[in-house]
């Protein structure tokens, strides 16, 4: 069996991150990244305003976190949002499934991994992305709120990316909901430690909501996204057939 790092596309990424390369290799890598962004823009331009749901790929159907994600995502979809995820299994699948069950729109940015991650079966549209940083940019670019379900390193990476962009005003102050107080209790404690140490401000504590309540989450998203930004959740653009858009 071929080791993940022996695959050509993985070897090129590892080589790029080892430090300075030849100018040609750095330029060639930059072109690959550009095309990844263009591919993502073309695929997601017409999906309408999204809410992105972050969470672990490891919680299967029947797990309480999976079932909660279905419920939450269904309620968000009923507000008119498209549910966006990383496109894979677990919490991502549950979110897309919840949207589909209520007749909502469901899309994904699937990451291409050495051990293949297939798009889940509840997606209306998806795009396969090679680079995590491109994928995170796309998940954030099209979203007007973020929901953080239980997860691992990737989920926390996505959460802190979003909240850092909001804190530094690189994107608008869209709402972030962290679900499952017990699971995230140590994270919340550490955020309090950062506030006490002065590395974040008191006002930063208002950038997110920690809750176990679906109703509270829906009210928070509606107030701080739809109402605050006078958001219309219908699709804003229509594809042009002559550009091979769909």
Foldseek 3Di string as FASTA:
>chain_A
DDDLCNDPVNVLVVVVVVDDDPPVSVVVVVVVLVVLLVQLCLQCVFQFAAEEEDAAQPAAPPDPLLQLLLQLLLLVQVVQHEYEYQQFHDSLLSNLNSQVVNPGAYEHEHEQGSPGTDGDPSHPTYHYGDDPVSRLCSSQVRYQEYEQGYHDPVSVVSVVVNLVCCQVVVDDLGEYEYEDCVRCVVVVVVVVVCCVVVVDDPVSVVSYHYDHDSVVVSVRNCVRGCVVVVDDGHGPDDDDVVVVGD
